[in-house]
C-alpha atoms as a PDB file:
ATOM      1  CA  UNK A   1      42.055  53.200 -14.790  1.00  0.00           C
ATOM      2  CA  UNK A   2      45.356  51.804 -13.556  1.00  0.00           C
ATOM      3  CA  UNK A   3      47.242  53.420 -10.691  1.00  0.00           C
ATOM      4  CA  UNK A   4      50.753  54.489 -11.404  1.00  0.00           C
ATOM      5  CA  UNK A   5      53.511  53.064  -9.268  1.00  0.00           C
ATOM      6  CA  UNK A   6      54.610  56.615  -8.426  1.00  0.00           C
ATOM      7  CA  UNK A   7      51.359  57.245  -6.549  1.00  0.00           C
ATOM      8  CA  UNK A   8      52.286  54.541  -4.035  1.00  0.00           C
ATOM      9  CA  UNK A   9      55.603  56.237  -3.319  1.00  0.00           C
ATOM     10  CA  UNK A  10      54.342  59.833  -3.290  1.00  0.00           C
ATOM     11  CA  UNK A  11      54.061  61.138   0.290  1.00  0.00           C
ATOM     12  CA  UNK A  12      51.642  63.883  -0.762  1.00  0.00           C
ATOM     13  CA  UNK A  13      49.292  61.305  -2.298  1.00  0.00           C
ATOM     14  CA  UNK A  14      49.523  59.167   0.852  1.00  0.00           C
ATOM     15  CA  UNK A  15      48.724  62.147   3.112  1.00  0.00           C
ATOM     16  CA  UNK A  16      45.819  63.161   0.879  1.00  0.00           C
ATOM     17  CA  UNK A  17      44.430  59.629   1.041  1.00  0.00           C
ATOM     18  CA  UNK A  18      44.829  59.501   4.811  1.00  0.00           C
ATOM     19  CA  UNK A  19      42.969  62.796   5.207  1.00  0.00           C
ATOM     20  CA  UNK A  20      40.192  61.534   2.954  1.00  0.00           C
ATOM     21  CA  UNK A  21      39.835  58.341   4.960  1.00  0.00           C
ATOM     22  CA  UNK A  22      39.799  60.246   8.266  1.00  0.00           C
ATOM     23  CA  UNK A  23      37.157  62.596   6.871  1.00  0.00           C
ATOM     24  CA  UNK A  24      35.115  59.563   5.831  1.00  0.00           C
ATOM     25  CA  UNK A  25      35.308  58.152   9.362  1.00  0.00           C
ATOM     26  CA  UNK A  26      34.176  61.458  10.856  1.00  0.00           C
ATOM     27  CA  UNK A  27      31.298  61.746   8.368  1.00  0.00           C
ATOM     28  CA  UNK A  28      30.219  58.191   9.113  1.00  0.00           C
ATOM     29  CA  UNK A  29      30.280  58.756  12.883  1.00  0.00           C
ATOM     30  CA  UNK A  30      28.692  62.201  12.800  1.00  0.00           C
ATOM     31  CA  UNK A  31      26.177  61.909   9.964  1.00  0.00           C
ATOM     32  CA  UNK A  32      25.512  58.425   8.625  1.00  0.00           C
ATOM     33  CA  UNK A  33      25.432  56.321  11.800  1.00  0.00           C
ATOM     34  CA  UNK A  34      22.999  58.604  13.687  1.00  0.00           C
ATOM     35  CA  UNK A  35      20.555  58.367  10.758  1.00  0.00           C
ATOM     36  CA  UNK A  36      20.324  54.580  10.958  1.00  0.00           C
ATOM     37  CA  UNK A  37      20.672  53.876  14.684  1.00  0.00           C
ATOM     38  CA  UNK A  38      18.133  54.370  17.461  1.00  0.00           C
ATOM     39  CA  UNK A  39      18.669  56.991  20.144  1.00  0.00           C
ATOM     40  CA  UNK A  40      19.388  60.662  20.247  1.00  0.00           C
ATOM     41  CA  UNK A  41      21.813  62.214  17.820  1.00  0.00           C
ATOM     42  CA  UNK A  42      24.441  63.057  20.439  1.00  0.00           C
ATOM     43  CA  UNK A  43      24.292  59.626  22.089  1.00  0.00           C
ATOM     44  CA  UNK A  44      24.520  57.791  18.785  1.00  0.00           C
ATOM     45  CA  UNK A  45      27.265  59.984  17.354  1.00  0.00           C
ATOM     46  CA  UNK A  46      29.319  59.820  20.546  1.00  0.00           C
ATOM     47  CA  UNK A  47      28.917  56.065  20.905  1.00  0.00           C
ATOM     48  CA  UNK A  48      29.780  55.442  17.261  1.00  0.00           C
ATOM     49  CA  UNK A  49      32.816  57.672  17.487  1.00  0.00           C
ATOM     50  CA  UNK A  50      34.049  55.871  20.613  1.00  0.00           C
ATOM     51  CA  UNK A  51      33.294  52.378  19.322  1.00  0.00           C
ATOM     52  CA  UNK A  52      34.194  52.702  15.655  1.00  0.00           C
ATOM     53  CA  UNK A  53      35.693  56.088  14.909  1.00  0.00           C
ATOM     54  CA  UNK A  54      38.642  55.976  17.272  1.00  0.00           C
ATOM     55  CA  UNK A  55      39.691  52.509  16.175  1.00  0.00           C
ATOM     56  CA  UNK A  56      39.377  53.313  12.490  1.00  0.00           C
ATOM     57  CA  UNK A  57      41.119  56.656  12.929  1.00  0.00           C
ATOM     58  CA  UNK A  58      44.040  55.140  14.810  1.00  0.00           C
ATOM     59  CA  UNK A  59      44.250  52.380  12.197  1.00  0.00           C
ATOM     60  CA  UNK A  60      44.404  54.895   9.359  1.00  0.00           C
ATOM     61  CA  UNK A  61      47.098  56.898  11.156  1.00  0.00           C
ATOM     62  CA  UNK A  62      49.215  53.831  11.963  1.00  0.00           C
ATOM     63  CA  UNK A  63      49.028  52.429   8.425  1.00  0.00           C
ATOM     64  CA  UNK A  64      49.804  55.859   6.962  1.00  0.00           C
ATOM     65  CA  UNK A  65      52.757  56.407   9.293  1.00  0.00           C
ATOM     66  CA  UNK A  66      54.226  52.981   8.513  1.00  0.00           C
ATOM     67  CA  UNK A  67      53.734  53.636   4.804  1.00  0.00           C
ATOM     68  CA  UNK A  68      55.485  57.025   4.988  1.00  0.00           C
ATOM     69  CA  UNK A  69      58.363  55.528   6.981  1.00  0.00           C
ATOM     70  CA  UNK A  70      58.712  52.759   4.404  1.00  0.00           C
ATOM     71  CA  UNK A  71      58.819  55.352   1.617  1.00  0.00           C
ATOM     72  CA  UNK A  72      61.571  57.220   3.481  1.00  0.00           C
ATOM     73  CA  UNK A  73      63.633  54.036   3.798  1.00  0.00           C
ATOM     74  CA  UNK A  74      63.081  53.143   0.132  1.00  0.00           C
ATOM     75  CA  UNK A  75      64.183  56.601  -0.974  1.00  0.00           C
ATOM     76  CA  UNK A  76      67.158  56.549   1.382  1.00  0.00           C
ATOM     77  CA  UNK A  77      68.204  53.182  -0.044  1.00  0.00           C
ATOM     78  CA  UNK A  78      67.889  54.404  -3.635  1.00  0.00           C
ATOM     79  CA  UNK A  79      69.861  57.574  -2.898  1.00  0.00           C
ATOM     80  CA  UNK A  80      72.531  55.638  -1.024  1.00  0.00           C
ATOM     81  CA  UNK A  81      72.979  53.144  -3.865  1.00  0.00           C
ATOM     82  CA  UNK A  82      73.277  55.868  -6.494  1.00  0.00           C
ATOM     83  CA  UNK A  83      75.994  57.770  -4.621  1.00  0.00           C
ATOM     84  CA  UNK A  84      77.863  54.675  -3.506  1.00  0.00           C
ATOM     85  CA  UNK A  85      78.718  53.425  -7.021  1.00  0.00           C
END
């Protein structure tokens, strides 16, 4: 299944993907990691969230924000070129 080019420039698709990735990070920190690491649930979940979750979450938000800003500039450029000619 090939991705359409429009999906890369669709802000709704980008936001949906970002939310899915953030949900995956939260599930990993709160459910998966405590199952496979030693220690109590709260210690393991808290430590994993601090060590991994925050970094991954911030990374997802930064990449998503840059992507959305790039889409805005691309659309602004296309609209400007169409009206300028």
